[in-house]
Amino acid sequence: MELDMAADELRSVLNRLRRAQGQIAGIIRMIEEGRDCEDVITQLAAVSRALDRAGFAIIATGLQHCMAEGGQADGDRDRMRARLEKLFLSLA
């Protein structure tokens, strides 16, 4: 399964990932500066949610593409469903 996303979907996911990247850099600085543990954990939780949302957006796009490809054989559809389910559960 290749990542085939529309430009606006791809832009949205990339923006989420870039924000998460910035948050991670901020968390590293917080730790290096000896900031309060509760603040660090709060930021870690926020970046985790951002990464989850990016992953779910990618999986949702995969589901849309699979549903649009109605001409697949039952075995192919079942294999794709199993792969997408595994990906979804890896984020849960």
Protein backbone atom coordinates (compact mmCIF):
# COMPACT_ATOMS: atom_id res chain seq x y z
CA MET A 1 0.00 0.00 0.00
CA GLU A 2 1.61 3.23 -1.10
CA LEU A 3 0.96 6.65 0.36
CA ASP A 4 -1.20 8.38 -2.24
CA MET A 5 -2.74 11.49 -0.75
CA ALA A 6 -4.31 14.57 -2.29
CA ALA A 7 -2.22 17.73 -2.00
CA ASP A 8 -4.41 19.27 0.72
CA GLU A 9 -4.46 16.04 2.75
CA LEU A 10 -0.69 15.71 2.43
CA ARG A 11 -0.16 19.36 3.41
CA SER A 12 -2.30 18.89 6.51
CA VAL A 13 -0.41 15.78 7.63
CA LEU A 14 2.97 17.40 6.95
CA ASN A 15 1.93 20.48 8.94
CA ARG A 16 0.95 18.28 11.90
CA LEU A 17 4.26 16.45 11.72
CA ARG A 18 6.25 19.68 11.50
CA ARG A 19 4.43 21.05 14.54
CA ALA A 20 5.18 17.83 16.40
CA GLN A 21 8.82 18.12 15.37
CA GLY A 22 8.92 21.62 16.87
CA GLN A 23 7.22 20.40 20.03
CA ILE A 24 9.79 17.62 20.40
CA ALA A 25 12.64 20.13 20.05
CA GLY A 26 10.96 22.22 22.75
CA ILE A 27 10.63 19.21 25.04
CA ILE A 28 14.33 18.44 24.62
CA ARG A 29 15.17 22.03 25.58
CA MET A 30 12.84 21.79 28.58
CA ILE A 31 14.61 18.67 29.80
CA GLU A 32 18.06 20.18 29.21
CA GLU A 33 17.01 23.27 31.19
CA GLY A 34 15.70 21.15 34.06
CA ARG A 35 12.10 22.31 33.68
CA ASP A 36 9.28 21.02 35.85
CA CYS A 37 8.39 17.36 35.27
CA GLU A 38 4.66 18.12 34.99
CA ASP A 39 5.30 20.66 32.20
CA VAL A 40 7.46 18.17 30.30
CA ILE A 41 4.83 15.42 30.61
CA THR A 42 2.10 17.82 29.45
CA GLN A 43 4.12 18.63 26.33
CA LEU A 44 4.89 14.95 25.71
CA ALA A 45 1.17 14.17 25.84
CA ALA A 46 0.44 16.97 23.36
CA VAL A 47 3.04 15.79 20.85
CA SER A 48 1.79 12.21 21.21
CA ARG A 49 -1.74 13.34 20.32
CA ALA A 50 -0.43 15.29 17.32
CA LEU A 51 1.43 12.24 16.02
CA ASP A 52 -1.64 10.06 16.55
CA ARG A 53 -3.80 12.49 14.58
CA ALA A 54 -1.31 12.49 11.70
CA GLY A 55 -1.29 8.68 11.69
CA PHE A 56 -5.08 8.48 11.76
CA ALA A 57 -5.29 10.94 8.85
CA ILE A 58 -2.98 8.73 6.81
CA ILE A 59 -4.99 5.60 7.66
CA ALA A 60 -8.29 7.35 6.88
CA THR A 61 -6.94 8.29 3.46
CA GLY A 62 -5.96 4.67 2.90
CA LEU A 63 -9.48 3.57 3.79
CA GLN A 64 -10.98 6.07 1.34
CA HIS A 65 -8.77 4.78 -1.45
CA CYS A 66 -9.65 1.17 -0.65
CA MET A 67 -13.37 1.88 -0.69
CA ALA A 68 -12.98 3.72 -4.01
CA GLU A 69 -11.33 0.63 -5.52
CA GLY A 70 -14.45 -1.51 -5.50
CA GLY A 71 -13.23 -3.77 -8.31
CA GLN A 72 -10.73 -5.66 -6.17
CA ALA A 73 -11.06 -9.39 -5.70
CA ASP A 74 -12.39 -10.53 -2.31
CA GLY A 75 -8.99 -11.89 -1.27
CA ASP A 76 -7.25 -8.62 -2.13
CA ARG A 77 -9.89 -6.63 -0.26
CA ASP A 78 -9.57 -8.89 2.78
CA ARG A 79 -5.77 -8.58 2.81
CA MET A 80 -5.99 -4.79 2.49
CA ARG A 81 -8.58 -4.64 5.28
CA ALA A 82 -6.31 -6.73 7.53
CA ARG A 83 -3.33 -4.47 6.79
CA LEU A 84 -5.31 -1.30 7.51
CA GLU A 85 -6.74 -2.80 10.69
CA LYS A 86 -3.23 -3.67 11.86
CA LEU A 87 -2.06 -0.12 11.13
CA PHE A 88 -5.04 1.37 12.94
CA LEU A 89 -4.48 -0.81 15.99
CA SER A 90 -0.80 0.11 16.07
CA LEU A 91 -1.92 3.69 16.84
CA ALA A 92 -4.60 2.74 19.35
